[in-house]
Amino acid sequence: MKKLKLTLLITLLLAFSSQAQDIGIDDLLEDFETEETETSLLPDKMLFSQRMLWGEKGIYRKVGIAPKTLTAETRERELKVRRNMFKVHQATGLLAAGGMIAQAIIGPKLYNGDFGIRQLHKNVALGTNIAYGTTAVMALTSPPPMVNRKKFDNIKLHKILSVVHLSGMVGTNILARQASKGNVNKNWHRAAAITTFGAYAAAIASIKMEF
């Protein structure tokens, strides 16, 4: 039974890798396309972090990281930066998924009293958090797209699910600390971890969904 579970988890990770190869960096960056009549070089709506960093009066423009004057040429360069950041987002996202799967294997053993793997559990958790954090930073601090997506599609769903698994990731880490101190039932931590992984897996899968 354990071999079957391990085989299933490995198969799932390989499936994620296959999905990621076709994940659609082009789908994620489909926002770049704009109509010929579009005159604004920045979208009307941006993430708070993007507006703070890349807006017309954003921090990056004030300190010289980004050009102070917006032109079609400078925006094209920013979109190339966005593309590169999303490639990192893709790679570290897969690493985070692998870490979550590893925790799904290690966690139950720790719960069942195999305390010899406690340090391994901590190390994998740290690596997963770093990979996940990098993935989130790449998405939140990338230059904004040229235009807003108005229709509800797989990219919109991906973004909605990201809110769910981001909240779940924060909750999982908080509950892990509390559970280690005996302040909360460890099953709460387990439930939060399962929910987070479910939303994360769905977010990866949503990239290839057709509407």
N, C-alpha and C. Protein backbone atom coordinates (compact mmCIF):
# COMPACT_ATOMS: atom_id res chain seq x y z
N MET A 1 0.83 -1.21 0.00
CA MET A 1 0.00 0.00 0.00
C MET A 1 0.87 1.26 0.00
N LYS A 2 1.96 1.22 0.81
CA LYS A 2 2.85 2.38 0.86
C LYS A 2 3.53 2.59 -0.48
N LYS A 3 3.91 1.45 -1.13
CA LYS A 3 4.56 1.57 -2.45
C LYS A 3 3.60 2.17 -3.46
N LEU A 4 2.30 1.80 -3.33
CA LEU A 4 1.29 2.33 -4.25
C LEU A 4 1.12 3.83 -4.06
N LYS A 5 1.10 4.29 -2.79
CA LYS A 5 0.98 5.72 -2.51
C LYS A 5 2.17 6.48 -3.04
N LEU A 6 3.38 5.92 -2.81
CA LEU A 6 4.59 6.59 -3.28
C LEU A 6 4.60 6.68 -4.80
N THR A 7 4.18 5.59 -5.46
CA THR A 7 4.13 5.59 -6.93
C THR A 7 3.15 6.64 -7.43
N LEU A 8 2.00 6.76 -6.74
CA LEU A 8 0.98 7.73 -7.12
C LEU A 8 1.50 9.15 -6.98
N LEU A 9 2.22 9.42 -5.88
CA LEU A 9 2.75 10.77 -5.66
C LEU A 9 3.81 11.13 -6.68
N ILE A 10 4.68 10.15 -7.01
CA ILE A 10 5.71 10.39 -8.01
C ILE A 10 5.08 10.65 -9.37
N THR A 11 4.04 9.87 -9.68
CA THR A 11 3.32 10.06 -10.95
C THR A 11 2.71 11.45 -11.02
N LEU A 12 2.17 11.92 -9.87
CA LEU A 12 1.56 13.25 -9.82
C LEU A 12 2.60 14.33 -10.07
N LEU A 13 3.78 14.19 -9.48
CA LEU A 13 4.85 15.16 -9.68
C LEU A 13 5.30 15.20 -11.13
N LEU A 14 5.43 14.01 -11.73
CA LEU A 14 5.81 13.95 -13.14
C LEU A 14 4.75 14.59 -14.02
N ALA A 15 3.48 14.42 -13.61
CA ALA A 15 2.40 15.04 -14.37
C ALA A 15 2.49 16.55 -14.29
N PHE A 16 2.82 17.07 -13.07
CA PHE A 16 3.00 18.51 -12.91
C PHE A 16 4.13 19.01 -13.81
N SER A 17 5.22 18.22 -13.88
CA SER A 17 6.34 18.63 -14.71
C SER A 17 5.94 18.70 -16.16
N SER A 18 5.15 17.71 -16.59
CA SER A 18 4.67 17.70 -17.97
C SER A 18 3.77 18.89 -18.23
N GLN A 19 2.89 19.19 -17.24
CA GLN A 19 2.00 20.34 -17.37
C GLN A 19 2.81 21.62 -17.48
N ALA A 20 3.89 21.69 -16.67
CA ALA A 20 4.65 22.93 -16.61
C ALA A 20 5.39 23.20 -17.91
N GLN A 21 5.80 22.12 -18.57
CA GLN A 21 6.49 22.33 -19.82
C GLN A 21 5.58 22.98 -20.84
N ASP A 22 4.28 22.67 -20.69
CA ASP A 22 3.27 23.29 -21.56
C ASP A 22 2.46 24.30 -20.79
N ILE A 23 2.98 24.71 -19.59
CA ILE A 23 2.15 25.49 -18.67
C ILE A 23 1.58 26.73 -19.31
N GLY A 24 2.20 27.12 -20.35
CA GLY A 24 1.67 28.27 -21.02
C GLY A 24 2.25 29.53 -20.45
N ILE A 25 3.60 29.63 -20.47
CA ILE A 25 4.17 30.94 -20.17
C ILE A 25 3.52 31.91 -21.14
N ASP A 26 3.29 31.43 -22.36
CA ASP A 26 2.63 32.29 -23.34
C ASP A 26 1.20 32.58 -22.90
N ASP A 27 0.55 31.59 -22.24
CA ASP A 27 -0.80 31.83 -21.73
C ASP A 27 -0.76 32.87 -20.63
N LEU A 28 0.21 32.70 -19.70
CA LEU A 28 0.33 33.66 -18.60
C LEU A 28 0.64 35.06 -19.12
N LEU A 29 1.38 35.10 -20.21
CA LEU A 29 1.81 36.37 -20.74
C LEU A 29 0.96 36.82 -21.92
N GLU A 30 -0.19 36.19 -22.08
CA GLU A 30 -1.09 36.57 -23.15
C GLU A 30 -1.57 38.00 -22.96
N ASP A 31 -1.42 38.48 -21.70
CA ASP A 31 -1.80 39.85 -21.39
C ASP A 31 -1.03 40.86 -22.24
N PHE A 32 0.12 40.43 -22.78
CA PHE A 32 0.94 41.35 -23.54
C PHE A 32 0.25 41.86 -24.78
N GLU A 33 -0.62 41.02 -25.34
CA GLU A 33 -1.24 41.38 -26.60
C GLU A 33 -2.20 42.54 -26.40
N THR A 34 -2.18 43.48 -27.28
CA THR A 34 -3.05 44.63 -27.16
C THR A 34 -3.56 45.04 -28.52
N GLU A 35 -4.70 45.70 -28.55
CA GLU A 35 -5.28 46.16 -29.81
C GLU A 35 -4.49 47.36 -30.32
N GLU A 36 -4.55 47.56 -31.63
CA GLU A 36 -3.81 48.65 -32.23
C GLU A 36 -4.29 50.01 -31.74
N THR A 37 -5.54 50.03 -31.27
CA THR A 37 -6.10 51.31 -30.83
C THR A 37 -5.73 51.64 -29.40
N GLU A 38 -5.08 50.69 -28.69
CA GLU A 38 -4.70 50.91 -27.30
C GLU A 38 -3.62 51.98 -27.23
N THR A 39 -3.85 53.00 -26.43
CA THR A 39 -2.89 54.10 -26.34
C THR A 39 -2.16 54.12 -25.00
N SER A 40 -2.77 53.60 -23.94
CA SER A 40 -2.15 53.62 -22.63
C SER A 40 -1.04 52.58 -22.55
N LEU A 41 0.08 52.97 -21.97
CA LEU A 41 1.21 52.06 -21.86
C LEU A 41 1.16 51.25 -20.57
N LEU A 42 0.27 51.63 -19.64
CA LEU A 42 0.06 50.87 -18.41
C LEU A 42 -1.43 50.54 -18.29
N PRO A 43 -1.76 49.37 -17.75
CA PRO A 43 -3.17 49.03 -17.60
C PRO A 43 -3.84 49.90 -16.55
N ASP A 44 -5.16 50.03 -16.64
CA ASP A 44 -5.90 50.83 -15.67
C ASP A 44 -5.81 50.21 -14.27
N LYS A 45 -5.87 48.89 -14.24
CA LYS A 45 -5.84 48.18 -12.95
C LYS A 45 -4.57 47.36 -12.86
N MET A 46 -3.90 47.48 -11.72
CA MET A 46 -2.69 46.71 -11.44
C MET A 46 -2.76 46.21 -10.01
N LEU A 47 -1.96 45.17 -9.72
CA LEU A 47 -1.79 44.76 -8.34
C LEU A 47 -1.18 45.93 -7.56
N PHE A 48 -1.49 46.02 -6.29
CA PHE A 48 -0.95 47.09 -5.46
C PHE A 48 0.57 47.10 -5.53
N SER A 49 1.18 45.92 -5.47
CA SER A 49 2.63 45.84 -5.50
C SER A 49 3.18 46.31 -6.85
N GLN A 50 2.49 45.99 -7.94
CA GLN A 50 2.94 46.43 -9.26
C GLN A 50 2.82 47.94 -9.41
N ARG A 51 1.72 48.50 -8.92
CA ARG A 51 1.55 49.95 -9.01
C ARG A 51 2.60 50.67 -8.16
N MET A 52 2.88 50.11 -6.99
CA MET A 52 3.86 50.72 -6.09
C MET A 52 5.26 50.70 -6.71
N LEU A 53 5.58 49.63 -7.44
CA LEU A 53 6.92 49.49 -8.00
C LEU A 53 7.05 50.03 -9.43
N TRP A 54 6.02 49.73 -10.26
CA TRP A 54 6.12 49.99 -11.69
C TRP A 54 5.16 51.06 -12.22
N GLY A 55 4.35 51.64 -11.35
CA GLY A 55 3.43 52.68 -11.80
C GLY A 55 4.18 53.89 -12.32
N GLU A 56 3.44 54.83 -12.87
CA GLU A 56 4.08 56.03 -13.43
C GLU A 56 4.93 56.76 -12.40
N LYS A 57 4.53 56.70 -11.13
CA LYS A 57 5.30 57.30 -10.05
C LYS A 57 5.82 56.24 -9.10
N GLY A 58 6.03 55.04 -9.64
CA GLY A 58 6.47 53.92 -8.83
C GLY A 58 7.89 54.06 -8.31
N ILE A 59 8.20 53.27 -7.30
CA ILE A 59 9.51 53.33 -6.65
C ILE A 59 10.63 53.04 -7.65
N TYR A 60 10.44 52.04 -8.50
CA TYR A 60 11.50 51.68 -9.45
C TYR A 60 11.81 52.83 -10.41
N ARG A 61 10.80 53.62 -10.74
CA ARG A 61 11.04 54.75 -11.65
C ARG A 61 11.74 55.89 -10.91
N LYS A 62 11.43 56.04 -9.64
CA LYS A 62 12.04 57.12 -8.87
C LYS A 62 13.51 56.87 -8.60
N VAL A 63 13.88 55.60 -8.38
CA VAL A 63 15.28 55.30 -8.05
C VAL A 63 16.10 54.93 -9.27
N GLY A 64 15.45 54.86 -10.44
CA GLY A 64 16.20 54.61 -11.67
C GLY A 64 16.30 53.17 -12.10
N ILE A 65 15.65 52.27 -11.39
CA ILE A 65 15.67 50.86 -11.82
C ILE A 65 14.88 50.70 -13.11
N ALA A 66 13.77 51.42 -13.20
CA ALA A 66 12.94 51.43 -14.41
C ALA A 66 13.01 52.82 -15.02
N PRO A 67 12.87 52.92 -16.35
CA PRO A 67 12.91 54.24 -17.01
C PRO A 67 11.84 55.17 -16.46
N LYS A 68 12.21 56.41 -16.21
CA LYS A 68 11.26 57.37 -15.68
C LYS A 68 10.22 57.78 -16.72
N THR A 69 10.62 57.74 -17.98
CA THR A 69 9.72 58.12 -19.06
C THR A 69 9.18 56.87 -19.74
N LEU A 70 7.87 56.74 -19.78
CA LEU A 70 7.23 55.59 -20.41
C LEU A 70 7.12 55.80 -21.91
N THR A 71 7.67 54.87 -22.66
CA THR A 71 7.52 54.87 -24.11
C THR A 71 7.21 53.44 -24.54
N ALA A 72 6.81 53.28 -25.78
CA ALA A 72 6.52 51.94 -26.28
C ALA A 72 7.76 51.06 -26.19
N GLU A 73 8.93 51.64 -26.43
CA GLU A 73 10.17 50.88 -26.39
C GLU A 73 10.53 50.44 -24.97
N THR A 74 10.38 51.35 -24.00
CA THR A 74 10.72 50.99 -22.62
C THR A 74 9.72 49.98 -22.06
N ARG A 75 8.47 50.12 -22.46
CA ARG A 75 7.46 49.15 -22.00
C ARG A 75 7.74 47.77 -22.58
N GLU A 76 8.23 47.72 -23.81
CA GLU A 76 8.57 46.44 -24.42
C GLU A 76 9.69 45.76 -23.63
N ARG A 77 10.66 46.56 -23.18
CA ARG A 77 11.74 45.99 -22.36
C ARG A 77 11.20 45.48 -21.02
N GLU A 78 10.24 46.22 -20.46
CA GLU A 78 9.66 45.78 -19.20
C GLU A 78 8.88 44.48 -19.37
N LEU A 79 8.24 44.33 -20.50
CA LEU A 79 7.50 43.10 -20.76
C LEU A 79 8.45 41.90 -20.91
N LYS A 80 9.64 42.15 -21.41
CA LYS A 80 10.65 41.09 -21.49
C LYS A 80 11.10 40.70 -20.08
N VAL A 81 11.23 41.70 -19.21
CA VAL A 81 11.56 41.41 -17.81
C VAL A 81 10.45 40.58 -17.18
N ARG A 82 9.21 40.95 -17.48
CA ARG A 82 8.05 40.22 -16.96
C ARG A 82 8.10 38.75 -17.42
N ARG A 83 8.43 38.55 -18.70
CA ARG A 83 8.51 37.19 -19.23
C ARG A 83 9.57 36.38 -18.47
N ASN A 84 10.73 36.95 -18.26
CA ASN A 84 11.81 36.26 -17.55
C ASN A 84 11.42 35.95 -16.11
N MET A 85 10.74 36.89 -15.47
CA MET A 85 10.31 36.67 -14.08
C MET A 85 9.29 35.55 -14.00
N PHE A 86 8.44 35.43 -15.02
CA PHE A 86 7.46 34.36 -15.00
C PHE A 86 8.08 33.00 -15.31
N LYS A 87 9.22 33.00 -15.99
CA LYS A 87 9.94 31.74 -16.18
C LYS A 87 10.49 31.25 -14.84
N VAL A 88 11.00 32.19 -14.04
CA VAL A 88 11.46 31.85 -12.69
C VAL A 88 10.27 31.40 -11.85
N HIS A 89 9.16 32.11 -11.99
CA HIS A 89 7.92 31.77 -11.30
C HIS A 89 7.52 30.33 -11.60
N GLN A 90 7.64 29.94 -12.84
CA GLN A 90 7.30 28.59 -13.26
C GLN A 90 8.24 27.56 -12.63
N ALA A 91 9.55 27.82 -12.70
CA ALA A 91 10.53 26.86 -12.19
C ALA A 91 10.43 26.68 -10.68
N THR A 92 10.37 27.79 -9.94
CA THR A 92 10.30 27.68 -8.48
C THR A 92 8.94 27.15 -8.04
N GLY A 93 7.91 27.40 -8.85
CA GLY A 93 6.60 26.84 -8.55
C GLY A 93 6.62 25.33 -8.58
N LEU A 94 7.34 24.77 -9.53
CA LEU A 94 7.48 23.31 -9.59
C LEU A 94 8.27 22.77 -8.41
N LEU A 95 9.33 23.51 -8.01
CA LEU A 95 10.10 23.09 -6.85
C LEU A 95 9.23 23.07 -5.60
N ALA A 96 8.38 24.09 -5.47
CA ALA A 96 7.47 24.15 -4.32
C ALA A 96 6.51 22.98 -4.34
N ALA A 97 6.00 22.63 -5.53
CA ALA A 97 5.09 21.49 -5.65
C ALA A 97 5.79 20.20 -5.24
N GLY A 98 7.05 20.05 -5.65
CA GLY A 98 7.81 18.88 -5.26
C GLY A 98 8.01 18.82 -3.76
N GLY A 99 8.27 19.97 -3.15
CA GLY A 99 8.43 20.02 -1.70
C GLY A 99 7.16 19.64 -0.97
N MET A 100 6.02 20.09 -1.49
CA MET A 100 4.74 19.74 -0.88
C MET A 100 4.48 18.24 -0.95
N ILE A 101 4.84 17.64 -2.08
CA ILE A 101 4.65 16.20 -2.22
C ILE A 101 5.58 15.44 -1.27
N ALA A 102 6.81 15.93 -1.14
CA ALA A 102 7.75 15.31 -0.20
C ALA A 102 7.22 15.38 1.23
N GLN A 103 6.64 16.53 1.58
CA GLN A 103 6.06 16.68 2.92
C GLN A 103 4.89 15.74 3.13
N ALA A 104 4.15 15.47 2.04
CA ALA A 104 3.01 14.55 2.15
C ALA A 104 3.48 13.13 2.46
N ILE A 105 4.73 12.82 2.09
CA ILE A 105 5.31 11.51 2.39
C ILE A 105 5.94 11.50 3.79
N ILE A 106 6.65 12.58 4.12
CA ILE A 106 7.37 12.63 5.39
C ILE A 106 6.43 12.91 6.57
N GLY A 107 5.46 13.82 6.36
CA GLY A 107 4.58 14.24 7.44
C GLY A 107 3.89 13.11 8.19
N PRO A 108 3.21 12.19 7.48
CA PRO A 108 2.52 11.09 8.18
C PRO A 108 3.46 10.23 9.01
N LYS A 109 4.70 10.05 8.53
CA LYS A 109 5.66 9.25 9.29
C LYS A 109 6.01 9.95 10.60
N LEU A 110 6.13 11.27 10.56
CA LEU A 110 6.42 12.03 11.77
C LEU A 110 5.25 11.97 12.73
N TYR A 111 4.03 12.09 12.19
CA TYR A 111 2.84 12.00 13.02
C TYR A 111 2.71 10.63 13.68
N ASN A 112 3.23 9.61 13.02
CA ASN A 112 3.12 8.25 13.55
C ASN A 112 4.26 7.90 14.51
N GLY A 113 5.07 8.90 14.86
CA GLY A 113 6.08 8.68 15.90
C GLY A 113 7.50 8.49 15.43
N ASP A 114 7.75 8.63 14.12
CA ASP A 114 9.11 8.49 13.61
C ASP A 114 9.82 9.84 13.75
N PHE A 115 10.23 10.15 14.99
CA PHE A 115 10.81 11.46 15.27
C PHE A 115 12.23 11.63 14.73
N GLY A 116 12.80 10.54 14.20
CA GLY A 116 14.12 10.63 13.62
C GLY A 116 14.16 11.46 12.34
N ILE A 117 12.98 11.66 11.76
CA ILE A 117 12.93 12.45 10.52
C ILE A 117 12.44 13.88 10.78
N ARG A 118 12.40 14.26 12.04
CA ARG A 118 11.93 15.61 12.37
C ARG A 118 12.76 16.69 11.67
N GLN A 119 14.11 16.53 11.70
CA GLN A 119 14.97 17.52 11.09
C GLN A 119 14.78 17.54 9.57
N LEU A 120 14.60 16.36 8.98
CA LEU A 120 14.35 16.28 7.54
C LEU A 120 13.06 17.01 7.20
N HIS A 121 12.06 16.83 8.04
CA HIS A 121 10.77 17.50 7.84
C HIS A 121 10.94 19.02 7.87
N LYS A 122 11.75 19.50 8.83
CA LYS A 122 12.00 20.94 8.94
C LYS A 122 12.75 21.47 7.72
N ASN A 123 13.75 20.71 7.29
CA ASN A 123 14.55 21.15 6.14
C ASN A 123 13.73 21.21 4.86
N VAL A 124 12.89 20.19 4.67
CA VAL A 124 12.03 20.19 3.48
C VAL A 124 11.03 21.33 3.55
N ALA A 125 10.50 21.58 4.74
CA ALA A 125 9.55 22.68 4.93
C ALA A 125 10.21 24.02 4.60
N LEU A 126 11.46 24.19 5.05
CA LEU A 126 12.18 25.43 4.77
C LEU A 126 12.40 25.60 3.27
N GLY A 127 12.84 24.54 2.61
CA GLY A 127 13.06 24.60 1.17
C GLY A 127 11.78 24.90 0.41
N THR A 128 10.68 24.28 0.85
CA THR A 128 9.39 24.50 0.21
C THR A 128 8.95 25.94 0.38
N ASN A 129 9.13 26.48 1.59
CA ASN A 129 8.75 27.87 1.85
C ASN A 129 9.57 28.85 1.01
N ILE A 130 10.87 28.57 0.86
CA ILE A 130 11.72 29.45 0.06
C ILE A 130 11.28 29.41 -1.41
N ALA A 131 11.04 28.21 -1.92
CA ALA A 131 10.61 28.07 -3.32
C ALA A 131 9.26 28.73 -3.53
N TYR A 132 8.35 28.51 -2.59
CA TYR A 132 7.01 29.09 -2.72
C TYR A 132 7.07 30.61 -2.62
N GLY A 133 7.87 31.11 -1.67
CA GLY A 133 8.01 32.55 -1.51
C GLY A 133 8.58 33.21 -2.74
N THR A 134 9.58 32.56 -3.34
CA THR A 134 10.17 33.10 -4.56
C THR A 134 9.14 33.13 -5.69
N THR A 135 8.35 32.07 -5.77
CA THR A 135 7.29 32.00 -6.79
C THR A 135 6.32 33.15 -6.63
N ALA A 136 5.91 33.41 -5.40
CA ALA A 136 4.96 34.49 -5.14
C ALA A 136 5.56 35.86 -5.45
N VAL A 137 6.83 36.05 -5.05
CA VAL A 137 7.49 37.34 -5.28
C VAL A 137 7.61 37.64 -6.77
N MET A 138 7.95 36.61 -7.56
CA MET A 138 8.07 36.80 -9.00
C MET A 138 6.76 37.27 -9.62
N ALA A 139 5.64 36.74 -9.11
CA ALA A 139 4.33 37.13 -9.65
C ALA A 139 3.89 38.50 -9.17
N LEU A 140 4.16 38.80 -7.90
CA LEU A 140 3.66 40.04 -7.31
C LEU A 140 4.48 41.27 -7.68
N THR A 141 5.75 41.06 -8.02
CA THR A 141 6.61 42.22 -8.28
C THR A 141 7.02 42.35 -9.75
N SER A 142 6.44 41.54 -10.61
CA SER A 142 6.77 41.64 -12.04
C SER A 142 6.13 42.90 -12.62
N PRO A 143 6.69 43.41 -13.72
CA PRO A 143 6.06 44.55 -14.38
C PRO A 143 4.64 44.20 -14.80
N PRO A 144 3.72 45.15 -14.79
CA PRO A 144 2.34 44.86 -15.17
C PRO A 144 2.21 44.55 -16.65
N PRO A 145 1.16 43.83 -17.04
CA PRO A 145 0.93 43.56 -18.46
C PRO A 145 0.54 44.84 -19.18
N MET A 146 0.40 44.75 -20.48
CA MET A 146 0.03 45.93 -21.26
C MET A 146 -1.43 46.30 -21.05
N VAL A 147 -2.29 45.28 -20.98
CA VAL A 147 -3.73 45.52 -20.82
C VAL A 147 -4.29 44.56 -19.78
N ASN A 148 -5.47 44.87 -19.27
CA ASN A 148 -6.15 44.00 -18.32
C ASN A 148 -6.92 42.92 -19.05
N ARG A 149 -6.97 41.75 -18.42
CA ARG A 149 -7.83 40.69 -18.94
C ARG A 149 -9.22 40.90 -18.36
N LYS A 150 -10.22 41.03 -19.21
CA LYS A 150 -11.57 41.30 -18.74
C LYS A 150 -12.43 40.04 -18.65
N LYS A 151 -12.17 39.08 -19.51
CA LYS A 151 -12.98 37.86 -19.51
C LYS A 151 -12.50 36.90 -18.42
N PHE A 152 -13.43 36.04 -17.97
CA PHE A 152 -13.06 35.02 -16.99
C PHE A 152 -12.54 33.81 -17.76
N ASP A 153 -11.29 33.46 -17.52
CA ASP A 153 -10.70 32.33 -18.21
C ASP A 153 -9.78 31.58 -17.26
N ASN A 154 -8.96 30.68 -17.83
CA ASN A 154 -8.10 29.87 -16.97
C ASN A 154 -7.07 30.69 -16.21
N ILE A 155 -6.64 31.81 -16.78
CA ILE A 155 -5.67 32.65 -16.08
C ILE A 155 -6.33 33.34 -14.89
N LYS A 156 -7.57 33.79 -15.07
CA LYS A 156 -8.31 34.39 -13.96
C LYS A 156 -8.49 33.35 -12.84
N LEU A 157 -8.84 32.13 -13.22
CA LEU A 157 -9.01 31.06 -12.24
C LEU A 157 -7.69 30.79 -11.52
N HIS A 158 -6.61 30.79 -12.26
CA HIS A 158 -5.28 30.57 -11.68
C HIS A 158 -4.99 31.62 -10.61
N LYS A 159 -5.35 32.87 -10.89
CA LYS A 159 -5.11 33.95 -9.93
C LYS A 159 -6.00 33.82 -8.70
N ILE A 160 -7.25 33.40 -8.91
CA ILE A 160 -8.16 33.21 -7.77
C ILE A 160 -7.64 32.11 -6.86
N LEU A 161 -7.21 31.00 -7.47
CA LEU A 161 -6.68 29.89 -6.69
C LEU A 161 -5.40 30.28 -5.97
N SER A 162 -4.64 31.21 -6.54
CA SER A 162 -3.41 31.65 -5.89
C SER A 162 -3.70 32.33 -4.55
N VAL A 163 -4.82 33.03 -4.48
CA VAL A 163 -5.21 33.66 -3.21
C VAL A 163 -5.51 32.58 -2.17
N VAL A 164 -6.16 31.50 -2.62
CA VAL A 164 -6.52 30.40 -1.72
C VAL A 164 -5.27 29.71 -1.20
N HIS A 165 -4.35 29.32 -2.12
CA HIS A 165 -3.19 28.58 -1.63
C HIS A 165 -2.19 29.47 -0.91
N LEU A 166 -2.16 30.77 -1.21
CA LEU A 166 -1.30 31.68 -0.44
C LEU A 166 -1.79 31.78 1.00
N SER A 167 -3.11 31.93 1.16
CA SER A 167 -3.68 31.98 2.51
C SER A 167 -3.45 30.66 3.24
N GLY A 168 -3.61 29.56 2.50
CA GLY A 168 -3.40 28.24 3.09
C GLY A 168 -1.95 28.02 3.50
N MET A 169 -1.02 28.54 2.71
CA MET A 169 0.41 28.37 3.02
C MET A 169 0.76 29.11 4.30
N VAL A 170 0.24 30.31 4.44
CA VAL A 170 0.47 31.08 5.67
C VAL A 170 -0.13 30.34 6.87
N GLY A 171 -1.38 29.89 6.70
CA GLY A 171 -2.06 29.17 7.77
C GLY A 171 -1.35 27.88 8.15
N THR A 172 -0.85 27.16 7.15
CA THR A 172 -0.15 25.90 7.40
C THR A 172 1.10 26.12 8.25
N ASN A 173 1.86 27.17 7.94
CA ASN A 173 3.08 27.45 8.71
C ASN A 173 2.76 27.88 10.14
N ILE A 174 1.71 28.69 10.29
CA ILE A 174 1.33 29.12 11.64
C ILE A 174 0.87 27.92 12.47
N LEU A 175 0.03 27.08 11.87
CA LEU A 175 -0.49 25.91 12.58
C LEU A 175 0.61 24.90 12.88
N ALA A 176 1.62 24.82 12.00
CA ALA A 176 2.74 23.90 12.24
C ALA A 176 3.47 24.28 13.53
N ARG A 177 3.71 25.58 13.70
CA ARG A 177 4.40 26.05 14.91
C ARG A 177 3.55 25.80 16.15
N GLN A 178 2.25 26.09 16.02
CA GLN A 178 1.35 25.90 17.16
C GLN A 178 1.19 24.42 17.52
N ALA A 179 1.15 23.58 16.48
CA ALA A 179 1.02 22.14 16.73
C ALA A 179 2.27 21.58 17.41
N SER A 180 3.44 22.09 17.03
CA SER A 180 4.69 21.62 17.64
C SER A 180 4.77 21.97 19.12
N LYS A 181 4.05 23.05 19.49
CA LYS A 181 4.01 23.46 20.90
C LYS A 181 2.85 22.83 21.65
N GLY A 182 2.02 22.09 20.93
CA GLY A 182 0.87 21.45 21.56
C GLY A 182 -0.30 22.38 21.78
N ASN A 183 -0.29 23.53 21.11
CA ASN A 183 -1.37 24.51 21.30
C ASN A 183 -2.60 24.21 20.45
N VAL A 184 -2.41 23.49 19.36
CA VAL A 184 -3.55 23.12 18.50
C VAL A 184 -3.40 21.66 18.10
N ASN A 185 -4.52 21.06 17.72
CA ASN A 185 -4.50 19.68 17.27
C ASN A 185 -3.74 19.59 15.95
N LYS A 186 -2.86 18.58 15.85
CA LYS A 186 -2.05 18.45 14.63
C LYS A 186 -2.90 18.21 13.39
N ASN A 187 -4.14 17.72 13.60
CA ASN A 187 -5.01 17.48 12.45
C ASN A 187 -5.41 18.80 11.76
N TRP A 188 -5.41 19.90 12.50
CA TRP A 188 -5.69 21.20 11.90
C TRP A 188 -4.58 21.57 10.91
N HIS A 189 -3.35 21.31 11.35
CA HIS A 189 -2.21 21.56 10.47
C HIS A 189 -2.29 20.68 9.23
N ARG A 190 -2.64 19.43 9.41
CA ARG A 190 -2.75 18.49 8.30
C ARG A 190 -3.84 18.94 7.32
N ALA A 191 -4.97 19.37 7.88
CA ALA A 191 -6.08 19.81 7.03
C ALA A 191 -5.70 21.04 6.21
N ALA A 192 -4.98 21.97 6.85
CA ALA A 192 -4.54 23.19 6.15
C ALA A 192 -3.55 22.84 5.05
N ALA A 193 -2.66 21.90 5.31
CA ALA A 193 -1.66 21.49 4.32
C ALA A 193 -2.34 20.83 3.12
N ILE A 194 -3.32 19.97 3.39
CA ILE A 194 -4.03 19.29 2.30
C ILE A 194 -4.80 20.29 1.45
N THR A 195 -5.47 21.24 2.12
CA THR A 195 -6.22 22.27 1.39
C THR A 195 -5.30 23.11 0.53
N THR A 196 -4.15 23.48 1.09
CA THR A 196 -3.18 24.29 0.35
C THR A 196 -2.68 23.55 -0.88
N PHE A 197 -2.32 22.29 -0.69
CA PHE A 197 -1.81 21.52 -1.82
C PHE A 197 -2.90 21.33 -2.88
N GLY A 198 -4.13 21.11 -2.44
CA GLY A 198 -5.23 20.94 -3.39
C GLY A 198 -5.42 22.18 -4.25
N ALA A 199 -5.41 23.35 -3.61
CA ALA A 199 -5.57 24.61 -4.35
C ALA A 199 -4.36 24.86 -5.26
N TYR A 200 -3.17 24.49 -4.77
CA TYR A 200 -1.94 24.69 -5.55
C TYR A 200 -1.95 23.79 -6.79
N ALA A 201 -2.33 22.53 -6.59
CA ALA A 201 -2.40 21.60 -7.71
C ALA A 201 -3.43 22.06 -8.73
N ALA A 202 -4.58 22.54 -8.24
CA ALA A 202 -5.63 23.03 -9.14
C ALA A 202 -5.16 24.26 -9.90
N ALA A 203 -4.35 25.12 -9.24
CA ALA A 203 -3.83 26.31 -9.90
C ALA A 203 -2.90 25.94 -11.05
N ILE A 204 -2.08 24.90 -10.84
CA ILE A 204 -1.20 24.43 -11.91
C ILE A 204 -2.02 23.84 -13.05
N ALA A 205 -3.01 23.01 -12.68
CA ALA A 205 -3.85 22.36 -13.70
C ALA A 205 -4.68 23.38 -14.48
N SER A 206 -5.09 24.45 -13.81
CA SER A 206 -5.99 25.43 -14.44
C SER A 206 -5.36 26.10 -15.64
N ILE A 207 -4.03 26.14 -15.69
CA ILE A 207 -3.36 26.79 -16.80
C ILE A 207 -3.70 26.13 -18.13
N LYS A 208 -3.95 24.80 -18.11
CA LYS A 208 -4.22 24.10 -19.34
C LYS A 208 -5.70 23.83 -19.58
N MET A 209 -6.53 24.34 -18.69
CA MET A 209 -7.97 24.11 -18.86
C MET A 209 -8.51 24.92 -20.01
N GLU A 210 -9.45 24.38 -20.74
CA GLU A 210 -10.09 25.09 -21.83
C GLU A 210 -11.47 25.51 -21.40
N PHE A 211 -11.84 26.73 -21.72
CA PHE A 211 -13.16 27.23 -21.36
C PHE A 211 -13.97 27.45 -22.63
